Amino acid sequence: MTSLYDAAYAERYRASDDAMAADPGFRQFSPWLARLSGSFGRAIDVLDLGCGTGRYFASLSNVCELVGLDASAAMLERAASPLDAGRITAQRVTLVHGDLLTHAFAPGRFDLVYSIGVLAEHAPLTPALVDRVAAWLRPGGLFAFSAVHPESPTVPRTWKRRLGRAAMPLAFGPIRRWLRERWCAGGLYADEGRIRELLASSSLRLTSLDTIRTVHLHCLVVAAKPLAA
């Protein structure tokens, strides 16, 4: 998988960052992250899960340490000189080469974990991943992410997907669950129902769930880790 994101891909991706001011997705995601990071009212520690070239580093405010995790060494090389580097307010930026499915961070290390254009797109959104993020968050911390909706116009409308979508309301029990799992492609897409199911089975509490249109139809999600009793 990481071989797809080689030096040539990373160079093209970093070059596209410079056009982000006109990108409809960036114009929605960037202020969203600014509001979330600023909502704590204090300096926070933040993890960008699948940071790529660091496209959203400068969108954050009130950051003590910003950690960018990515499985592609080539992308991380470009993240060392990210978009709008002069506007980054984080006191410290740490880039980590690692897989979001296996890399270990200390429990309770972060106040905010965010992921844009990665989960339910390039990496599966699964219960195990949600539990990993929940463990990394401090009490009161936030998990904010985008996920590609299975109704997105960019998702191929194969006859199997059309048939499965039509059959879901008529199915029950294990068959319905199997159809929904197929509909969400094993975590590579996620609709509102799937996201609610994932978070309901975790220690996180859903605080907002919206849909926005960019190139894809995205779910835009914020979940909070409850404060310690």
C-alpha atoms as a PDB file:
ATOM      1  CA  MET A   1       0.000   0.000   0.000  1.00  0.00           C
ATOM      2  CA  THR A   2       2.706   2.516   0.944  1.00  0.00           C
ATOM      3  CA  SER A   3       4.400   1.881  -2.409  1.00  0.00           C
ATOM      4  CA  LEU A   4       1.541   3.816  -4.025  1.00  0.00           C
ATOM      5  CA  TYR A   5       2.718   6.950  -2.198  1.00  0.00           C
ATOM      6  CA  ASP A   6       6.254   7.047  -3.561  1.00  0.00           C
ATOM      7  CA  ALA A   7       8.443  10.083  -4.171  1.00  0.00           C
ATOM      8  CA  ALA A   8       6.775  10.944  -7.485  1.00  0.00           C
ATOM      9  CA  TYR A   9       3.301  10.795  -5.959  1.00  0.00           C
ATOM     10  CA  ALA A  10       4.430  12.849  -2.964  1.00  0.00           C
ATOM     11  CA  GLU A  11       5.933  15.497  -5.233  1.00  0.00           C
ATOM     12  CA  ARG A  12       2.692  15.810  -7.233  1.00  0.00           C
ATOM     13  CA  TYR A  13       0.649  15.926  -4.045  1.00  0.00           C
ATOM     14  CA  ARG A  14       2.849  18.605  -2.485  1.00  0.00           C
ATOM     15  CA  ALA A  15       2.685  20.667  -5.677  1.00  0.00           C
ATOM     16  CA  SER A  16      -1.120  20.541  -5.517  1.00  0.00           C
ATOM     17  CA  ASP A  17      -1.047  21.965  -1.979  1.00  0.00           C
ATOM     18  CA  ASP A  18      -0.207  25.379  -3.376  1.00  0.00           C
ATOM     19  CA  ALA A  19      -3.596  25.502  -5.120  1.00  0.00           C
ATOM     20  CA  MET A  20      -5.535  24.733  -1.945  1.00  0.00           C
ATOM     21  CA  ALA A  21      -6.901  28.249  -1.514  1.00  0.00           C
ATOM     22  CA  ALA A  22      -9.350  27.521  -4.347  1.00  0.00           C
ATOM     23  CA  ASP A  23     -10.094  23.913  -3.350  1.00  0.00           C
ATOM     24  CA  PRO A  24     -13.691  23.483  -2.048  1.00  0.00           C
ATOM     25  CA  GLY A  25     -12.685  20.713   0.339  1.00  0.00           C
ATOM     26  CA  PHE A  26      -9.821  22.676   1.867  1.00  0.00           C
ATOM     27  CA  ARG A  27     -12.062  25.718   2.291  1.00  0.00           C
ATOM     28  CA  GLN A  28     -14.420  23.612   4.432  1.00  0.00           C
ATOM     29  CA  PHE A  29     -11.957  21.403   6.296  1.00  0.00           C
ATOM     30  CA  SER A  30      -9.459  24.127   7.217  1.00  0.00           C
ATOM     31  CA  PRO A  31     -11.804  26.459   9.167  1.00  0.00           C
ATOM     32  CA  TRP A  32     -13.445  23.406  10.750  1.00  0.00           C
ATOM     33  CA  LEU A  33     -10.096  22.341  12.192  1.00  0.00           C
ATOM     34  CA  ALA A  34      -9.350  25.908  13.274  1.00  0.00           C
ATOM     35  CA  ARG A  35     -12.617  26.040  15.247  1.00  0.00           C
ATOM     36  CA  LEU A  36     -12.057  22.650  16.852  1.00  0.00           C
ATOM     37  CA  SER A  37      -8.482  23.320  17.918  1.00  0.00           C
ATOM     38  CA  GLY A  38      -9.420  26.764  19.192  1.00  0.00           C
ATOM     39  CA  SER A  39     -12.405  25.452  21.168  1.00  0.00           C
ATOM     40  CA  PHE A  40     -10.195  24.124  23.978  1.00  0.00           C
ATOM     41  CA  GLY A  41      -9.195  27.627  25.045  1.00  0.00           C
ATOM     42  CA  ARG A  42      -5.682  26.463  25.946  1.00  0.00           C
ATOM     43  CA  ALA A  43      -2.597  24.978  24.338  1.00  0.00           C
ATOM     44  CA  ILE A  44      -3.237  21.396  23.236  1.00  0.00           C
ATOM     45  CA  ASP A  45      -1.355  18.411  21.873  1.00  0.00           C
ATOM     46  CA  VAL A  46      -2.595  17.256  18.472  1.00  0.00           C
ATOM     47  CA  LEU A  47      -2.166  14.209  16.236  1.00  0.00           C
ATOM     48  CA  ASP A  48      -2.724  14.425  12.479  1.00  0.00           C
ATOM     49  CA  LEU A  49      -3.513  10.815  11.565  1.00  0.00           C
ATOM     50  CA  GLY A  50      -2.281  10.287   8.012  1.00  0.00           C
ATOM     51  CA  CYS A  51      -0.809  13.761   7.704  1.00  0.00           C
ATOM     52  CA  GLY A  52       0.553  13.380   4.163  1.00  0.00           C
ATOM     53  CA  THR A  53       2.415  16.562   3.229  1.00  0.00           C
ATOM     54  CA  GLY A  54       1.106  18.494   6.235  1.00  0.00           C
ATOM     55  CA  ARG A  55      -1.605  20.232   4.261  1.00  0.00           C
ATOM     56  CA  TYR A  56      -3.625  21.153   7.367  1.00  0.00           C
ATOM     57  CA  PHE A  57      -0.834  21.973   9.832  1.00  0.00           C
ATOM     58  CA  ALA A  58      -1.331  25.731   9.426  1.00  0.00           C
ATOM     59  CA  SER A  59      -5.090  25.428   9.985  1.00  0.00           C
ATOM     60  CA  LEU A  60      -4.625  24.656  13.688  1.00  0.00           C
ATOM     61  CA  SER A  61      -4.451  27.082  16.602  1.00  0.00           C
ATOM     62  CA  ASN A  62      -3.517  26.832  20.298  1.00  0.00           C
ATOM     63  CA  VAL A  63      -1.175  23.905  19.665  1.00  0.00           C
ATOM     64  CA  CYS A  64       1.699  22.921  21.905  1.00  0.00           C
ATOM     65  CA  GLU A  65       2.926  19.798  20.097  1.00  0.00           C
ATOM     66  CA  LEU A  66       1.658  18.741  16.677  1.00  0.00           C
ATOM     67  CA  VAL A  67       2.485  15.166  15.677  1.00  0.00           C
ATOM     68  CA  GLY A  68       2.080  14.124  12.047  1.00  0.00           C
ATOM     69  CA  LEU A  69       1.885  10.367  11.449  1.00  0.00           C
ATOM     70  CA  ASP A  70       2.123   8.901   7.958  1.00  0.00           C
ATOM     71  CA  ALA A  71       3.073   5.544   6.443  1.00  0.00           C
ATOM     72  CA  SER A  72       4.851   7.191   3.493  1.00  0.00           C
ATOM     73  CA  ALA A  73       8.381   8.431   4.097  1.00  0.00           C
ATOM     74  CA  ALA A  74       8.190  10.398   0.838  1.00  0.00           C
ATOM     75  CA  MET A  75       5.097  12.285   2.006  1.00  0.00           C
ATOM     76  CA  LEU A  76       6.725  13.054   5.348  1.00  0.00           C
ATOM     77  CA  GLU A  77       9.745  14.527   3.589  1.00  0.00           C
ATOM     78  CA  ARG A  78       7.402  17.071   1.992  1.00  0.00           C
ATOM     79  CA  ALA A  79       5.616  17.620   5.326  1.00  0.00           C
ATOM     80  CA  ALA A  80       8.867  19.094   6.624  1.00  0.00           C
ATOM     81  CA  SER A  81       8.091  22.072   4.327  1.00  0.00           C
ATOM     82  CA  PRO A  82       4.284  22.133   4.390  1.00  0.00           C
ATOM     83  CA  LEU A  83       1.698  24.489   2.954  1.00  0.00           C
ATOM     84  CA  ASP A  84       1.784  27.933   4.634  1.00  0.00           C
ATOM     85  CA  ALA A  85       4.667  26.877   6.882  1.00  0.00           C
ATOM     86  CA  GLY A  86       5.054  30.450   8.122  1.00  0.00           C
ATOM     87  CA  ARG A  87       1.527  30.408   9.541  1.00  0.00           C
ATOM     88  CA  ILE A  88       1.991  27.268  11.658  1.00  0.00           C
ATOM     89  CA  THR A  89       1.507  28.241  15.300  1.00  0.00           C
ATOM     90  CA  ALA A  90       2.410  24.913  16.931  1.00  0.00           C
ATOM     91  CA  GLN A  91       5.269  25.263  19.399  1.00  0.00           C
ATOM     92  CA  ARG A  92       6.712  21.953  18.222  1.00  0.00           C
ATOM     93  CA  VAL A  93       6.077  19.744  15.162  1.00  0.00           C
ATOM     94  CA  THR A  94       7.084  16.089  15.220  1.00  0.00           C
ATOM     95  CA  LEU A  95       6.856  13.900  12.117  1.00  0.00           C
ATOM     96  CA  VAL A  96       6.508  10.148  12.663  1.00  0.00           C
ATOM     97  CA  HIS A  97       6.912   7.435  10.031  1.00  0.00           C
ATOM     98  CA  GLY A  98       4.441   4.706  10.927  1.00  0.00           C
ATOM     99  CA  ASP A  99       1.237   2.868  10.077  1.00  0.00           C
ATOM    100  CA  LEU A 100      -1.909   4.198  11.757  1.00  0.00           C
ATOM    101  CA  LEU A 101      -3.120   0.592  12.193  1.00  0.00           C
ATOM    102  CA  THR A 102      -0.055  -0.542  14.133  1.00  0.00           C
ATOM    103  CA  HIS A 103       1.883   2.453  15.467  1.00  0.00           C
ATOM    104  CA  ALA A 104       1.743   2.871  19.251  1.00  0.00           C
ATOM    105  CA  PHE A 105       1.372   6.150  21.143  1.00  0.00           C
ATOM    106  CA  ALA A 106       1.191   6.462  24.909  1.00  0.00           C
ATOM    107  CA  PRO A 107      -2.335   6.408  26.383  1.00  0.00           C
ATOM    108  CA  GLY A 108      -3.790   9.861  26.944  1.00  0.00           C
ATOM    109  CA  ARG A 109      -1.142  11.685  24.920  1.00  0.00           C
ATOM    110  CA  PHE A 110      -3.387  13.922  22.780  1.00  0.00           C
ATOM    111  CA  ASP A 111      -6.214  16.406  23.214  1.00  0.00           C
ATOM    112  CA  LEU A 112      -7.221  16.307  19.540  1.00  0.00           C
ATOM    113  CA  VAL A 113      -6.771  13.579  16.940  1.00  0.00           C
ATOM    114  CA  TYR A 114      -7.888  14.496  13.434  1.00  0.00           C
ATOM    115  CA  SER A 115      -7.795  12.785  10.056  1.00  0.00           C
ATOM    116  CA  ILE A 116      -8.829  14.365   6.751  1.00  0.00           C
ATOM    117  CA  GLY A 117      -9.174  12.363   3.537  1.00  0.00           C
ATOM    118  CA  VAL A 118      -7.725   9.176   4.999  1.00  0.00           C
ATOM    119  CA  LEU A 119     -10.212   7.094   6.995  1.00  0.00           C
ATOM    120  CA  ALA A 120     -12.919   5.254   5.063  1.00  0.00           C
ATOM    121  CA  GLU A 121     -10.988   6.252   1.946  1.00  0.00           C
ATOM    122  CA  HIS A 122      -7.358   5.126   2.021  1.00  0.00           C
ATOM    123  CA  ALA A 123      -7.511   3.197   5.307  1.00  0.00           C
ATOM    124  CA  PRO A 124     -10.429   1.193   6.758  1.00  0.00           C
ATOM    125  CA  LEU A 125     -12.509   2.816   9.495  1.00  0.00           C
ATOM    126  CA  THR A 126     -12.882  -0.061  11.933  1.00  0.00           C
ATOM    127  CA  PRO A 127     -13.801  -0.619  15.599  1.00  0.00           C
ATOM    128  CA  ALA A 128     -10.168  -1.435  16.354  1.00  0.00           C
ATOM    129  CA  LEU A 129      -8.974   1.886  14.929  1.00  0.00           C
ATOM    130  CA  VAL A 130     -11.606   3.863  16.851  1.00  0.00           C
ATOM    131  CA  ASP A 131     -10.532   2.107  20.051  1.00  0.00           C
ATOM    132  CA  ARG A 132      -6.871   2.947  19.339  1.00  0.00           C
ATOM    133  CA  VAL A 133      -7.679   6.618  18.916  1.00  0.00           C
ATOM    134  CA  ALA A 134      -9.846   6.618  22.046  1.00  0.00           C
ATOM    135  CA  ALA A 135      -6.916   5.268  24.060  1.00  0.00           C
ATOM    136  CA  TRP A 136      -4.609   8.028  22.751  1.00  0.00           C
ATOM    137  CA  LEU A 137      -7.030  10.793  23.786  1.00  0.00           C
ATOM    138  CA  ARG A 138      -7.073  12.521  27.147  1.00  0.00           C
ATOM    139  CA  PRO A 139     -10.434  12.825  28.943  1.00  0.00           C
ATOM    140  CA  GLY A 140     -12.362  15.588  27.197  1.00  0.00           C
ATOM    141  CA  GLY A 141     -10.338  15.071  24.018  1.00  0.00           C
ATOM    142  CA  LEU A 142     -11.806  15.075  20.498  1.00  0.00           C
ATOM    143  CA  PHE A 143     -11.569  12.718  17.530  1.00  0.00           C
ATOM    144  CA  ALA A 144     -12.417  14.614  14.327  1.00  0.00           C
ATOM    145  CA  PHE A 145     -12.392  12.964  10.923  1.00  0.00           C
ATOM    146  CA  SER A 146     -13.840  12.799   7.440  1.00  0.00           C
ATOM    147  CA  ALA A 147     -15.128   9.600   5.837  1.00  0.00           C
ATOM    148  CA  VAL A 148     -16.281   8.938   2.288  1.00  0.00           C
ATOM    149  CA  HIS A 149     -20.007   8.189   2.210  1.00  0.00           C
ATOM    150  CA  PRO A 150     -21.028   5.111   0.188  1.00  0.00           C
ATOM    151  CA  GLU A 151     -23.545   7.324  -1.646  1.00  0.00           C
ATOM    152  CA  SER A 152     -20.712   9.523  -2.905  1.00  0.00           C
ATOM    153  CA  PRO A 153     -20.850  10.020  -6.696  1.00  0.00           C
ATOM    154  CA  THR A 154     -17.199   8.950  -6.797  1.00  0.00           C
ATOM    155  CA  VAL A 155     -18.076   5.428  -5.585  1.00  0.00           C
ATOM    156  CA  PRO A 156     -18.605   3.093  -8.585  1.00  0.00           C
ATOM    157  CA  ARG A 157     -22.257   2.081  -8.975  1.00  0.00           C
ATOM    158  CA  THR A 158     -21.707  -1.591  -9.796  1.00  0.00           C
ATOM    159  CA  TRP A 159     -24.711  -3.868 -10.169  1.00  0.00           C
ATOM    160  CA  LYS A 160     -23.699  -5.671  -6.968  1.00  0.00           C
ATOM    161  CA  ARG A 161     -23.716  -2.396  -5.010  1.00  0.00           C
ATOM    162  CA  ARG A 162     -27.073  -1.380  -6.454  1.00  0.00           C
ATOM    163  CA  LEU A 163     -28.543  -4.779  -5.653  1.00  0.00           C
ATOM    164  CA  GLY A 164     -27.135  -4.807  -2.125  1.00  0.00           C
ATOM    165  CA  ARG A 165     -28.412  -1.275  -1.440  1.00  0.00           C
ATOM    166  CA  ALA A 166     -31.906  -2.220  -2.577  1.00  0.00           C
ATOM    167  CA  ALA A 167     -31.913  -5.423  -0.503  1.00  0.00           C
ATOM    168  CA  MET A 168     -30.742  -3.893   2.801  1.00  0.00           C
ATOM    169  CA  PRO A 169     -34.124  -2.531   3.967  1.00  0.00           C
ATOM    170  CA  LEU A 170     -35.694  -5.945   3.347  1.00  0.00           C
ATOM    171  CA  ALA A 171     -33.053  -7.986   5.192  1.00  0.00           C
ATOM    172  CA  PHE A 172     -32.774  -8.800   8.894  1.00  0.00           C
ATOM    173  CA  GLY A 173     -30.209 -10.050  11.382  1.00  0.00           C
ATOM    174  CA  PRO A 174     -26.917 -11.458  10.101  1.00  0.00           C
ATOM    175  CA  ILE A 175     -27.898 -11.002   6.454  1.00  0.00           C
ATOM    176  CA  ARG A 176     -28.565  -7.302   6.933  1.00  0.00           C
ATOM    177  CA  ARG A 177     -25.287  -6.872   8.811  1.00  0.00           C
ATOM    178  CA  TRP A 178     -23.439  -8.680   6.030  1.00  0.00           C
ATOM    179  CA  LEU A 179     -25.044  -6.478   3.389  1.00  0.00           C
ATOM    180  CA  ARG A 180     -24.153  -3.326   5.343  1.00  0.00           C
ATOM    181  CA  GLU A 181     -20.559  -4.489   5.723  1.00  0.00           C
ATOM    182  CA  ARG A 182     -20.367  -5.051   1.978  1.00  0.00           C
ATOM    183  CA  TRP A 183     -22.077  -1.691   1.326  1.00  0.00           C
ATOM    184  CA  CYS A 184     -19.355   0.013   3.373  1.00  0.00           C
ATOM    185  CA  ALA A 185     -16.647  -2.096   1.662  1.00  0.00           C
ATOM    186  CA  GLY A 186     -15.183  -3.390   4.893  1.00  0.00           C
ATOM    187  CA  GLY A 187     -14.622   0.111   6.256  1.00  0.00           C
ATOM    188  CA  LEU A 188     -13.470   1.895   3.089  1.00  0.00           C
ATOM    189  CA  TYR A 189     -16.735   3.875   3.076  1.00  0.00           C
ATOM    190  CA  ALA A 190     -18.885   4.903   6.038  1.00  0.00           C
ATOM    191  CA  ASP A 191     -22.423   6.252   6.155  1.00  0.00           C
ATOM    192  CA  GLU A 192     -24.183   7.861   9.113  1.00  0.00           C
ATOM    193  CA  GLY A 193     -25.470   4.537  10.430  1.00  0.00           C
ATOM    194  CA  ARG A 194     -22.050   2.894  10.299  1.00  0.00           C
ATOM    195  CA  ILE A 195     -20.411   5.802  12.105  1.00  0.00           C
ATOM    196  CA  ARG A 196     -23.034   5.781  14.852  1.00  0.00           C
ATOM    197  CA  GLU A 197     -22.580   2.021  15.289  1.00  0.00           C
ATOM    198  CA  LEU A 198     -18.807   2.338  15.538  1.00  0.00           C
ATOM    199  CA  LEU A 199     -18.911   5.114  18.099  1.00  0.00           C
ATOM    200  CA  ALA A 200     -21.725   3.520  20.134  1.00  0.00           C
ATOM    201  CA  SER A 201     -19.542   0.452  20.648  1.00  0.00           C
ATOM    202  CA  SER A 202     -16.551   2.576  21.721  1.00  0.00           C
ATOM    203  CA  SER A 203     -15.790   4.798  24.700  1.00  0.00           C
ATOM    204  CA  LEU A 204     -16.307   7.925  22.572  1.00  0.00           C
ATOM    205  CA  ARG A 205     -19.466  10.005  22.389  1.00  0.00           C
ATOM    206  CA  LEU A 206     -20.676  11.388  19.055  1.00  0.00           C
ATOM    207  CA  THR A 207     -21.004  15.175  19.250  1.00  0.00           C
ATOM    208  CA  SER A 208     -21.591  16.103  15.602  1.00  0.00           C
ATOM    209  CA  LEU A 209     -22.176  14.316  12.297  1.00  0.00           C
ATOM    210  CA  ASP A 210     -22.664  16.273   9.087  1.00  0.00           C
ATOM    211  CA  THR A 211     -22.306  15.602   5.384  1.00  0.00           C
ATOM    212  CA  ILE A 212     -20.418  17.898   3.028  1.00  0.00           C
ATOM    213  CA  ARG A 213     -19.684  17.728  -0.694  1.00  0.00           C
ATOM    214  CA  THR A 214     -16.211  18.167  -2.097  1.00  0.00           C
ATOM    215  CA  VAL A 215     -14.914  15.825  -4.783  1.00  0.00           C
ATOM    216  CA  HIS A 216     -16.586  13.166  -2.618  1.00  0.00           C
ATOM    217  CA  LEU A 217     -19.646  13.150  -0.428  1.00  0.00           C
ATOM    218  CA  HIS A 218     -18.061  13.118   3.035  1.00  0.00           C
ATOM    219  CA  CYS A 219     -19.307  12.478   6.519  1.00  0.00           C
ATOM    220  CA  LEU A 220     -17.695  15.021   8.831  1.00  0.00           C
ATOM    221  CA  VAL A 221     -17.528  13.654  12.358  1.00  0.00           C
ATOM    222  CA  VAL A 222     -16.563  14.825  15.835  1.00  0.00           C
ATOM    223  CA  ALA A 223     -16.558  12.468  18.818  1.00  0.00           C
ATOM    224  CA  ALA A 224     -15.494  13.269  22.386  1.00  0.00           C
ATOM    225  CA  LYS A 225     -13.869  11.206  25.101  1.00  0.00           C
ATOM    226  CA  PRO A 226     -15.897  11.735  28.299  1.00  0.00           C
ATOM    227  CA  LEU A 227     -14.288  13.548  31.161  1.00  0.00           C
ATOM    228  CA  ALA A 228     -13.063  11.326  33.979  1.00  0.00           C
ATOM    229  CA  ALA A 229     -15.550  10.911  36.778  1.00  0.00           C
END
